[in-house]
N, C-alpha and C. Protein backbone atom coordinates (compact mmCIF):
# COMPACT_ATOMS: atom_id res chain seq x y z
N MET A 1 0.68 12.40 24.68
CA MET A 1 -0.09 12.39 23.84
C MET A 1 1.00 12.86 22.18
N THR A 2 0.14 12.31 21.18
CA THR A 2 0.61 12.39 19.90
C THR A 2 -0.41 13.15 19.32
N VAL A 3 -0.85 13.96 18.05
CA VAL A 3 -1.60 14.11 17.28
C VAL A 3 -1.80 12.85 16.24
N GLU A 4 -2.50 12.94 15.40
CA GLU A 4 -2.66 12.29 14.08
C GLU A 4 -1.65 12.49 12.94
N THR A 5 -1.33 11.76 12.05
CA THR A 5 -0.35 12.05 11.53
C THR A 5 -0.87 11.84 9.72
N GLU A 6 -0.05 11.68 9.14
CA GLU A 6 -0.40 11.15 7.56
C GLU A 6 0.00 9.08 7.35
N CYS A 7 0.85 8.93 8.72
CA CYS A 7 0.43 7.51 8.82
C CYS A 7 0.02 6.86 10.50
N VAL A 8 -0.85 7.69 10.79
CA VAL A 8 -1.61 7.28 12.48
C VAL A 8 -2.66 8.06 12.68
N GLU A 9 -3.84 6.74 12.84
CA GLU A 9 -4.92 7.49 13.22
C GLU A 9 -5.37 7.11 14.54
N TYR A 10 -6.28 7.45 15.09
CA TYR A 10 -6.97 6.72 16.30
C TYR A 10 -8.29 6.51 16.36
N LYS A 11 -8.72 5.95 16.61
CA LYS A 11 -10.62 5.60 17.19
C LYS A 11 -10.58 5.10 18.92
N GLU A 12 -11.43 5.20 19.37
CA GLU A 12 -12.04 5.29 20.79
C GLU A 12 -12.33 4.02 20.67
N SER A 13 -12.95 3.04 19.61
CA SER A 13 -13.19 1.74 19.57
C SER A 13 -13.31 1.34 17.80
N THR A 14 -13.53 -0.36 17.89
CA THR A 14 -14.09 -0.59 16.91
C THR A 14 -15.30 -0.07 15.89
N THR A 15 -16.38 0.34 16.82
CA THR A 15 -17.66 1.54 16.35
C THR A 15 -16.76 1.81 15.08
N GLU A 16 -15.65 2.18 15.09
CA GLU A 16 -15.46 3.49 14.25
C GLU A 16 -14.40 2.62 12.94
N LEU A 17 -14.69 1.22 13.09
CA LEU A 17 -13.81 0.22 11.83
C LEU A 17 -13.81 0.93 10.55
N GLU A 18 -15.35 1.02 10.13
CA GLU A 18 -15.10 1.67 8.69
C GLU A 18 -14.38 3.16 8.69
N ASP A 19 -14.31 3.63 8.84
CA ASP A 19 -13.34 5.47 9.17
C ASP A 19 -12.13 4.24 9.08
N ALA A 20 -11.92 3.46 10.31
CA ALA A 20 -10.44 3.16 10.67
C ALA A 20 -9.61 2.33 8.85
N VAL A 21 -10.73 1.59 8.88
CA VAL A 21 -10.31 1.00 7.34
C VAL A 21 -10.21 1.98 6.11
N LEU A 22 -10.74 2.60 5.94
CA LEU A 22 -10.75 3.82 5.08
C LEU A 22 -9.02 4.78 5.11
N ALA A 23 -8.81 5.07 6.11
CA ALA A 23 -7.98 5.56 6.54
C ALA A 23 -6.56 4.75 6.37
N LEU A 24 -6.74 3.88 6.87
CA LEU A 24 -5.35 2.68 6.30
C LEU A 24 -5.41 2.55 4.61
N SER A 25 -6.35 2.78 4.44
CA SER A 25 -6.02 2.33 2.86
C SER A 25 -5.63 3.65 1.79
N ALA A 26 -5.87 4.75 2.58
CA ALA A 26 -5.33 6.05 1.90
C ALA A 26 -4.13 6.46 3.00
N MET A 27 -3.41 5.85 3.93
CA MET A 27 -2.58 5.46 3.97
C MET A 27 -1.33 4.52 3.27
N LEU A 28 -1.58 3.77 2.61
CA LEU A 28 -0.79 2.86 1.79
C LEU A 28 -1.12 3.46 0.87
N ASN A 29 -1.95 4.09 0.05
CA ASN A 29 -1.51 4.93 -1.01
C ASN A 29 -0.47 6.23 -0.81
N LYS A 30 -0.60 6.85 -0.06
CA LYS A 30 0.38 8.05 0.24
C LYS A 30 1.63 7.56 0.67
N ASN A 31 1.57 6.33 1.81
CA ASN A 31 3.05 6.21 1.77
C ASN A 31 3.45 4.81 2.03
N GLY A 32 2.50 4.21 1.70
CA GLY A 32 3.08 2.40 1.85
C GLY A 32 2.67 1.54 3.29
N TYR A 33 2.32 2.57 4.34
CA TYR A 33 2.78 1.75 5.44
C TYR A 33 1.61 2.84 6.01
N GLY A 34 0.65 2.33 7.26
CA GLY A 34 -0.41 2.89 7.73
C GLY A 34 -0.63 2.33 9.23
N LYS A 35 -0.86 3.16 10.45
CA LYS A 35 -1.08 2.56 11.59
C LYS A 35 -2.63 3.15 11.85
N VAL A 36 -3.55 2.49 12.85
CA VAL A 36 -4.70 2.87 13.38
C VAL A 36 -4.14 1.85 14.58
N ILE A 37 -5.04 3.23 15.34
CA ILE A 37 -4.73 2.62 17.19
C ILE A 37 -6.15 2.90 17.88
N PHE A 38 -6.89 1.94 17.80
CA PHE A 38 -8.31 1.87 18.71
C PHE A 38 -7.96 1.53 19.97
N GLY A 39 -9.20 2.56 20.61
CA GLY A 39 -8.92 2.60 21.88
C GLY A 39 -8.20 3.57 22.81
N ALA A 40 -8.03 4.77 21.60
CA ALA A 40 -7.15 5.78 22.20
C ALA A 40 -8.37 7.02 21.38
N LYS A 41 -8.09 8.12 22.44
CA LYS A 41 -8.46 9.33 21.84
C LYS A 41 -7.62 10.19 20.45
N ASN A 42 -8.65 11.29 19.95
CA ASN A 42 -7.52 11.83 19.31
C ASN A 42 -6.14 12.82 19.38
N ASP A 43 -5.96 13.03 20.60
CA ASP A 43 -4.47 12.95 20.69
C ASP A 43 -3.70 12.42 21.18
N GLY A 44 -4.20 10.57 21.29
CA GLY A 44 -3.63 9.59 21.16
C GLY A 44 -3.57 9.41 22.62
N THR A 45 -4.27 9.24 23.83
CA THR A 45 -4.33 8.96 24.41
C THR A 45 -4.99 8.05 24.77
N LEU A 46 -4.24 6.89 25.88
CA LEU A 46 -5.17 5.56 25.29
C LEU A 46 -6.22 5.51 26.96
N VAL A 47 -7.33 5.16 25.98
CA VAL A 47 -8.54 4.78 27.05
C VAL A 47 -9.03 3.31 26.82
N GLY A 48 -8.32 2.70 26.09
CA GLY A 48 -8.90 1.31 26.40
C GLY A 48 -10.34 1.52 25.46
N GLN A 49 -10.51 -0.40 25.52
CA GLN A 49 -11.97 -0.75 24.64
C GLN A 49 -12.08 -2.31 25.46
N ASP A 50 -13.48 -2.89 25.19
CA ASP A 50 -13.49 -4.01 25.33
C ASP A 50 -13.28 -4.45 24.56
N ILE A 51 -12.41 -5.84 24.37
CA ILE A 51 -12.34 -6.62 23.14
C ILE A 51 -12.40 -8.12 23.69
N GLY A 52 -13.47 -8.38 22.41
CA GLY A 52 -14.57 -9.48 22.89
C GLY A 52 -13.81 -10.22 21.73
N LYS A 53 -14.31 -12.12 21.73
CA LYS A 53 -13.66 -12.96 21.35
C LYS A 53 -13.54 -12.87 19.81
N ASP A 54 -14.81 -12.24 18.84
CA ASP A 54 -14.21 -11.99 17.80
C ASP A 54 -13.71 -11.09 17.48
N THR A 55 -13.15 -9.95 18.52
CA THR A 55 -13.03 -8.04 17.88
C THR A 55 -11.76 -8.27 16.78
N LEU A 56 -11.18 -8.82 16.83
CA LEU A 56 -9.25 -8.91 16.14
C LEU A 56 -9.89 -9.34 15.03
N LYS A 57 -10.42 -10.77 14.86
CA LYS A 57 -11.09 -11.04 13.66
C LYS A 57 -11.72 -10.33 12.47
N THR A 58 -12.73 -10.14 13.33
CA THR A 58 -13.80 -8.94 12.69
C THR A 58 -13.02 -7.38 12.14
N ILE A 59 -11.62 -7.30 12.51
CA ILE A 59 -10.87 -6.27 11.70
C ILE A 59 -10.11 -6.46 11.21
N SER A 60 -9.88 -7.88 11.09
CA SER A 60 -9.02 -8.53 10.23
C SER A 60 -9.97 -9.03 8.92
N GLN A 61 -11.26 -9.50 9.08
CA GLN A 61 -12.19 -9.93 8.02
C GLN A 61 -12.74 -8.61 7.08
N HIS A 62 -12.59 -7.17 8.28
CA HIS A 62 -13.23 -6.49 7.53
C HIS A 62 -12.11 -5.69 6.52
N ILE A 63 -10.77 -5.69 6.84
CA ILE A 63 -9.80 -5.58 5.79
C ILE A 63 -9.41 -6.74 4.77
N GLN A 64 -9.83 -7.84 4.88
CA GLN A 64 -9.59 -8.66 3.97
C GLN A 64 -10.67 -8.69 2.66
N ASN A 65 -11.88 -7.89 3.69
CA ASN A 65 -12.90 -8.08 2.52
C ASN A 65 -13.37 -6.47 1.61
N PHE A 66 -12.17 -5.73 1.91
CA PHE A 66 -13.19 -4.09 1.62
C PHE A 66 -11.66 -3.98 0.90
N VAL A 67 -10.51 -3.90 0.74
CA VAL A 67 -9.52 -3.10 0.33
C VAL A 67 -8.71 -4.35 -0.60
N GLU A 68 -8.77 -3.87 -1.70
CA GLU A 68 -7.98 -4.34 -2.91
C GLU A 68 -6.64 -3.51 -3.28
N PRO A 69 -5.99 -3.87 -3.56
CA PRO A 69 -5.74 -5.84 -3.67
C PRO A 69 -5.12 -5.74 -1.77
N ARG A 70 -4.83 -6.73 -1.94
CA ARG A 70 -5.27 -7.54 -0.14
C ARG A 70 -3.69 -7.15 0.24
N VAL A 71 -3.65 -6.72 1.55
CA VAL A 71 -3.31 -6.55 2.82
C VAL A 71 -3.43 -7.59 3.94
N ILE A 72 -1.95 -8.19 4.16
CA ILE A 72 -2.80 -8.97 5.63
C ILE A 72 -1.70 -8.12 6.92
N PRO A 73 -2.88 -7.51 7.74
CA PRO A 73 -2.48 -6.53 8.81
C PRO A 73 -2.08 -7.02 10.11
N THR A 74 -1.24 -6.50 10.64
CA THR A 74 -0.15 -6.74 12.20
C THR A 74 -1.52 -6.30 12.74
N ILE A 75 -1.88 -6.96 14.03
CA ILE A 75 -2.91 -6.69 15.30
C ILE A 75 -1.99 -6.88 16.07
N GLU A 76 -1.83 -6.02 16.95
CA GLU A 76 -1.30 -5.87 18.70
C GLU A 76 -2.60 -5.76 19.37
N VAL A 77 -2.39 -6.19 20.61
CA VAL A 77 -3.32 -5.72 21.46
C VAL A 77 -2.40 -5.52 23.02
N THR A 78 -2.52 -4.61 23.39
CA THR A 78 -1.91 -3.98 24.43
C THR A 78 -3.08 -3.93 26.07
N GLU A 79 -2.67 -4.78 26.61
CA GLU A 79 -3.77 -5.09 27.82
C GLU A 79 -3.62 -3.48 28.45
N LEU A 80 -4.67 -3.04 29.17
CA LEU A 80 -4.92 -1.71 30.27
C LEU A 80 -5.71 -2.27 31.16
N GLU A 81 -5.90 -1.14 32.17
CA GLU A 81 -6.10 -1.23 33.28
C GLU A 81 -8.17 -1.64 33.10
N LYS A 82 -8.37 -2.29 34.00
CA LYS A 82 -10.19 -2.55 34.18
C LYS A 82 -10.37 -3.54 32.79
N GLY A 83 -9.79 -4.34 32.29
CA GLY A 83 -10.09 -5.60 31.83
C GLY A 83 -10.22 -4.63 30.23
N LYS A 84 -9.69 -3.62 29.90
CA LYS A 84 -9.46 -2.92 28.45
C LYS A 84 -8.48 -3.08 27.91
N GLY A 85 -8.41 -2.64 26.73
CA GLY A 85 -6.95 -2.65 25.77
C GLY A 85 -6.94 -1.62 24.52
N ALA A 86 -6.10 -1.72 24.17
CA ALA A 86 -6.08 -0.70 22.96
C ALA A 86 -5.08 -1.84 21.60
N ILE A 87 -5.74 -1.48 20.42
CA ILE A 87 -5.65 -2.40 19.46
C ILE A 87 -5.26 -1.53 18.40
N THR A 88 -3.75 -2.38 18.03
CA THR A 88 -2.95 -1.60 17.15
C THR A 88 -2.55 -2.45 15.53
N VAL A 89 -3.54 -1.68 15.05
CA VAL A 89 -3.81 -2.05 13.15
C VAL A 89 -2.98 -1.75 12.25
N ALA A 90 -1.30 -2.43 11.77
CA ALA A 90 -0.63 -1.91 11.26
C ALA A 90 -0.81 -2.66 9.55
N VAL A 91 -0.84 -2.09 8.80
CA VAL A 91 -0.38 -2.68 7.63
C VAL A 91 0.35 -1.67 6.29
N SER A 92 1.00 -2.83 5.38
CA SER A 92 2.35 -2.09 4.68
C SER A 92 2.21 -2.75 3.00
N GLY A 93 2.25 -2.18 2.49
CA GLY A 93 2.19 -2.36 1.04
C GLY A 93 2.96 -1.20 0.09
N LEU A 94 3.13 -1.96 -0.99
CA LEU A 94 3.75 -1.08 -2.40
C LEU A 94 2.94 -1.40 -3.82
N ASN A 95 1.78 -2.04 -3.91
CA ASN A 95 0.83 -2.35 -4.97
C ASN A 95 0.08 -1.34 -5.24
N ARG A 96 0.51 0.04 -4.75
CA ARG A 96 -0.70 0.98 -5.22
C ARG A 96 -1.32 0.81 -6.55
N PRO A 97 -2.77 1.64 -6.87
CA PRO A 97 -3.57 1.57 -5.71
C PRO A 97 -4.49 0.96 -4.78
N TYR A 98 -4.37 1.43 -3.46
CA TYR A 98 -5.44 0.48 -2.80
C TYR A 98 -6.90 1.05 -2.83
N ALA A 99 -7.53 -0.08 -3.02
CA ALA A 99 -9.01 0.90 -2.94
C ALA A 99 -9.76 -0.01 -1.13
N TYR A 100 -10.82 1.10 -0.87
CA TYR A 100 -11.46 0.52 0.42
C TYR A 100 -13.24 0.77 -0.32
N LYS A 101 -13.52 0.04 -0.92
CA LYS A 101 -14.94 -0.76 -0.84
C LYS A 101 -14.98 -0.17 -2.51
N ASN A 102 -13.96 -0.57 -3.18
CA ASN A 102 -14.13 0.53 -4.58
C ASN A 102 -13.92 2.06 -4.59
N ASN A 103 -13.53 2.70 -3.82
CA ASN A 103 -13.17 4.04 -3.93
C ASN A 103 -11.77 3.83 -3.42
N ILE A 104 -10.72 5.06 -3.66
CA ILE A 104 -9.88 5.28 -3.86
C ILE A 104 -9.56 6.43 -3.57
N TYR A 105 -8.91 6.24 -2.02
CA TYR A 105 -8.03 7.47 -0.98
C TYR A 105 -7.21 8.29 -0.69
N ILE A 106 -6.18 9.26 -0.47
CA ILE A 106 -4.93 9.64 -0.02
C ILE A 106 -5.12 10.08 1.08
N ARG A 107 -4.23 9.66 1.58
CA ARG A 107 -4.22 10.62 3.11
C ARG A 107 -3.26 11.89 2.91
N SER A 108 -3.68 13.00 3.83
CA SER A 108 -3.57 14.20 3.41
C SER A 108 -3.37 14.91 5.07
N GLY A 109 -2.16 15.14 5.61
CA GLY A 109 -2.19 15.50 7.19
C GLY A 109 -3.01 14.24 7.80
N GLU A 110 -4.25 14.69 8.34
CA GLU A 110 -5.19 13.56 9.48
C GLU A 110 -6.37 13.46 8.37
N GLU A 111 -6.44 13.85 7.45
CA GLU A 111 -7.75 13.66 6.27
C GLU A 111 -7.63 12.95 5.09
N ASN A 112 -8.64 11.88 4.75
CA ASN A 112 -8.55 11.09 3.82
C ASN A 112 -9.64 11.70 2.66
N LYS A 113 -8.98 11.68 1.54
CA LYS A 113 -9.37 12.82 0.29
C LYS A 113 -10.05 11.31 -0.69
N LYS A 114 -10.78 11.71 -1.17
CA LYS A 114 -10.89 10.97 -2.45
C LYS A 114 -9.87 11.09 -3.69
N VAL A 115 -9.38 10.02 -3.98
CA VAL A 115 -8.46 10.58 -4.91
C VAL A 115 -8.68 11.08 -6.16
N PRO A 116 -8.57 12.43 -7.13
CA PRO A 116 -9.19 12.76 -8.52
C PRO A 116 -8.33 12.14 -9.87
N ILE A 117 -9.01 11.79 -10.45
CA ILE A 117 -8.21 10.47 -11.61
C ILE A 117 -6.94 11.81 -11.72
N THR A 118 -6.33 12.80 -11.80
CA THR A 118 -5.30 13.24 -11.79
C THR A 118 -3.75 12.98 -11.17
N GLU A 119 -4.77 12.40 -9.94
CA GLU A 119 -3.65 11.84 -8.74
C GLU A 119 -3.49 10.48 -9.27
N LEU A 120 -4.56 9.95 -9.55
CA LEU A 120 -4.63 8.38 -9.90
C LEU A 120 -3.62 8.32 -10.69
N ARG A 121 -3.37 9.23 -11.96
CA ARG A 121 -2.49 8.66 -12.53
C ARG A 121 -1.22 8.77 -12.38
N GLN A 122 -0.91 9.94 -11.57
CA GLN A 122 0.50 9.73 -11.05
C GLN A 122 0.98 8.80 -10.33
N MET A 123 0.06 8.37 -9.51
CA MET A 123 0.13 6.98 -8.66
C MET A 123 0.51 5.97 -9.21
N PHE A 124 -0.56 5.61 -10.55
CA PHE A 124 0.63 4.52 -11.59
C PHE A 124 1.99 4.66 -11.79
N GLN A 125 2.35 6.09 -12.22
CA GLN A 125 3.64 6.58 -13.17
C GLN A 125 4.45 5.94 -11.93
N SER A 126 4.46 6.38 -10.74
CA SER A 126 5.38 6.48 -9.59
C SER A 126 5.54 4.86 -9.39
N TYR A 127 4.44 4.05 -9.77
CA TYR A 127 5.04 2.96 -9.14
C TYR A 127 5.39 1.64 -10.53
N SER A 128 5.61 2.79 -11.82
CA SER A 128 6.36 2.69 -12.68
C SER A 128 7.64 2.65 -12.87
N ASP A 129 8.12 3.97 -11.85
CA ASP A 129 8.89 4.39 -11.73
C ASP A 129 10.10 3.18 -10.87
N LEU A 130 9.02 3.06 -9.86
CA LEU A 130 9.58 1.86 -8.76
C LEU A 130 9.87 0.82 -9.18
N LEU A 131 9.11 0.14 -10.51
CA LEU A 131 9.34 -0.82 -11.47
C LEU A 131 10.89 -1.04 -11.61
N LYS A 132 11.45 0.58 -12.43
CA LYS A 132 12.23 0.52 -13.28
C LYS A 132 14.02 0.59 -12.51
N ASP A 133 13.35 1.26 -11.42
CA ASP A 133 14.49 1.63 -10.13
C ASP A 133 15.04 0.62 -9.73
N THR A 134 14.11 -0.63 -9.75
CA THR A 134 14.30 -1.93 -8.77
C THR A 134 15.57 -3.05 -9.94
N VAL A 135 16.61 -3.57 -9.45
CA VAL A 135 17.42 -4.38 -9.98
C VAL A 135 16.55 -5.41 -9.34
N ALA A 136 16.06 -6.46 -11.00
CA ALA A 136 15.99 -7.84 -11.27
C ALA A 136 17.25 -8.86 -10.56
N PHE A 137 16.01 -9.62 -9.80
CA PHE A 137 17.28 -10.62 -9.61
C PHE A 137 17.98 -11.71 -10.18
N ARG A 138 17.69 -11.71 -11.62
CA ARG A 138 18.43 -12.27 -12.01
C ARG A 138 19.04 -11.19 -13.95
N GLN A 139 20.45 -11.71 -13.81
CA GLN A 139 20.96 -10.62 -14.57
C GLN A 139 21.65 -11.00 -15.75
N ASP A 140 21.03 -12.66 -15.95
CA ASP A 140 21.37 -13.50 -17.11
C ASP A 140 20.41 -13.65 -17.69
N LEU A 141 19.74 -13.00 -18.13
CA LEU A 141 18.51 -12.45 -18.97
C LEU A 141 18.96 -12.49 -20.35
N THR A 142 18.08 -13.08 -21.73
CA THR A 142 18.17 -12.65 -22.68
C THR A 142 16.52 -12.35 -23.46
N PHE A 143 16.54 -12.06 -24.31
CA PHE A 143 15.58 -11.18 -24.32
C PHE A 143 15.18 -12.12 -26.29
N ASN A 144 15.72 -13.39 -26.56
CA ASN A 144 15.15 -14.00 -27.88
C ASN A 144 13.85 -14.22 -28.23
N GLY A 145 12.88 -14.25 -27.33
CA GLY A 145 11.66 -14.65 -27.61
C GLY A 145 11.21 -12.90 -28.11
N LEU A 146 11.33 -11.74 -27.10
CA LEU A 146 10.90 -10.44 -27.87
C LEU A 146 11.55 -10.10 -29.09
N VAL A 147 12.40 -10.58 -29.16
CA VAL A 147 13.26 -10.20 -30.73
C VAL A 147 12.82 -11.11 -31.64
N GLY A 148 12.66 -12.36 -31.44
CA GLY A 148 11.66 -12.75 -32.54
C GLY A 148 10.13 -12.59 -32.83
N ARG A 149 9.93 -12.21 -31.43
CA ARG A 149 8.13 -11.48 -32.33
C ARG A 149 8.52 -10.20 -32.98
N LEU A 150 9.73 -9.50 -32.09
CA LEU A 150 9.86 -8.26 -33.36
C LEU A 150 9.94 -8.19 -34.71
N ARG A 151 10.70 -9.63 -35.08
CA ARG A 151 10.97 -9.47 -36.07
C ARG A 151 10.03 -10.20 -37.50
N ALA A 152 9.48 -10.94 -36.37
CA ALA A 152 8.12 -11.91 -36.89
C ALA A 152 7.04 -10.85 -37.28
N LYS A 153 6.93 -9.12 -36.75
CA LYS A 153 6.27 -8.16 -37.31
C LYS A 153 7.21 -7.23 -38.09
N GLY A 154 8.21 -7.40 -38.71
CA GLY A 154 8.82 -7.05 -39.61
C GLY A 154 9.86 -5.83 -39.24
N LEU A 155 10.31 -5.77 -37.78
CA LEU A 155 10.65 -4.83 -37.42
C LEU A 155 12.36 -5.51 -37.01
N HIS A 156 13.21 -5.13 -37.15
CA HIS A 156 14.84 -5.15 -37.26
C HIS A 156 15.58 -4.95 -35.85
N VAL A 157 15.95 -6.13 -35.22
CA VAL A 157 16.23 -5.52 -33.98
C VAL A 157 18.51 -5.53 -34.32
N ASN A 158 19.51 -4.71 -34.21
CA ASN A 158 20.27 -4.81 -34.54
C ASN A 158 21.55 -5.16 -33.34
N ASP A 159 20.48 -4.25 -32.38
CA ASP A 159 21.23 -3.46 -31.44
C ASP A 159 20.70 -3.73 -30.00
N ASP A 160 20.94 -4.50 -29.14
CA ASP A 160 20.41 -5.18 -27.69
C ASP A 160 20.56 -3.85 -26.67
N ARG A 161 21.47 -3.08 -26.99
CA ARG A 161 21.65 -2.05 -26.04
C ARG A 161 20.38 -0.96 -26.72
N LYS A 162 20.30 -1.22 -27.71
CA LYS A 162 18.85 0.07 -28.06
C LYS A 162 17.53 -0.42 -27.74
N LEU A 163 17.27 -1.81 -27.64
CA LEU A 163 16.27 -2.89 -27.20
C LEU A 163 16.02 -2.05 -26.11
N TYR A 164 16.98 -2.68 -25.31
CA TYR A 164 16.80 -2.60 -23.69
C TYR A 164 16.68 -1.03 -23.43
N ASP A 165 16.97 -0.09 -24.00
CA ASP A 165 16.86 0.97 -23.74
C ASP A 165 15.53 1.63 -24.42
N ASN A 166 14.93 1.35 -25.57
CA ASN A 166 13.77 1.53 -26.34
C ASN A 166 12.76 0.89 -25.07
N TYR A 167 12.45 -0.23 -24.85
CA TYR A 167 11.57 -0.35 -23.67
C TYR A 167 11.96 -0.05 -22.37
N GLU A 168 12.65 0.31 -22.09
CA GLU A 168 13.01 0.62 -20.58
C GLU A 168 13.55 -0.53 -19.84
N LEU A 169 13.93 -1.83 -20.32
CA LEU A 169 14.37 -3.01 -19.60
C LEU A 169 15.63 -2.82 -18.83
N MET A 170 16.36 -1.65 -19.36
CA MET A 170 17.54 -1.56 -18.34
C MET A 170 18.23 -0.15 -17.04
N ARG A 171 18.89 0.01 -16.05
CA ARG A 171 18.82 0.67 -15.43
C ARG A 171 19.73 1.53 -16.48
N ILE A 172 20.38 2.94 -15.63
CA ILE A 172 21.28 3.54 -16.19
C ILE A 172 22.16 2.52 -15.44
N ASP A 173 22.72 2.26 -14.65
CA ASP A 173 23.81 1.52 -14.12
C ASP A 173 23.99 0.66 -14.78
N GLY A 174 23.17 0.27 -16.35
CA GLY A 174 23.25 -1.51 -16.82
C GLY A 174 22.66 -2.56 -16.56
N LYS A 175 22.28 -2.35 -15.03
CA LYS A 175 21.37 -3.79 -14.71
C LYS A 175 19.86 -3.79 -15.07
N PHE A 176 19.54 -5.16 -15.43
CA PHE A 176 17.78 -5.27 -15.76
C PHE A 176 17.01 -4.96 -14.30
N ASN A 177 16.10 -3.96 -14.78
CA ASN A 177 15.23 -4.08 -13.84
C ASN A 177 14.00 -4.94 -13.78
N ILE A 178 13.20 -4.68 -12.62
CA ILE A 178 12.18 -5.87 -13.19
C ILE A 178 10.81 -5.67 -13.57
N GLN A 179 10.89 -4.50 -14.22
CA GLN A 179 9.55 -4.10 -15.03
C GLN A 179 8.85 -4.94 -15.95
C-alpha cells in the first residue's frame, strides 16, 4: 500500500474521470509527468473496477478533449480477480502550462490547486529557461537574416558574440540553444 503523491493519484473507478484528468494536468504542470490508477483505494490497495468495451476509449477521449496542449496518455490494464481490472493512465510532457477545461492547476502534495497568476508567470519563465539550456541540434547556424533586419532598422551589428549574448541565443559553453 502506498499513499497518493505529487505524481500518483488513485481513483476507485472511472466515475471519477473528471477529477482524475484534472489531477493529471496538475501533475504535468508540477513535474512534467503523472499517473492515475483507476480501481484503487486512496491508500493504493487495488480493488478493481468493471471495464467495458468503451472504457479505455472514454478515458483517452476525455484527455484529448479537455487537456491543452494535447498529451497522448499511456493506458494499461492490470487484470484482477472476478473479472475486474485496474487501469493505469500515465502522461508526460514539457509544454507547460497544461490547462484542464481552460483552467490551470498545479499539484501540491496530493492536492490540485488552481494556479495563481504569479505562479503562472514562473511556469512560463521556467519553460523559457529550459529552452535556453537545451543544445540546438544544428550548431552550424548563421543569423544573417536577423542581422539584415537589425541593419534595416538602423542598428549596427559588428560583433556576432554580442548579438548572440544580447538575444540569449548561445549557452555559456558557446553552443547554440533552441530558444
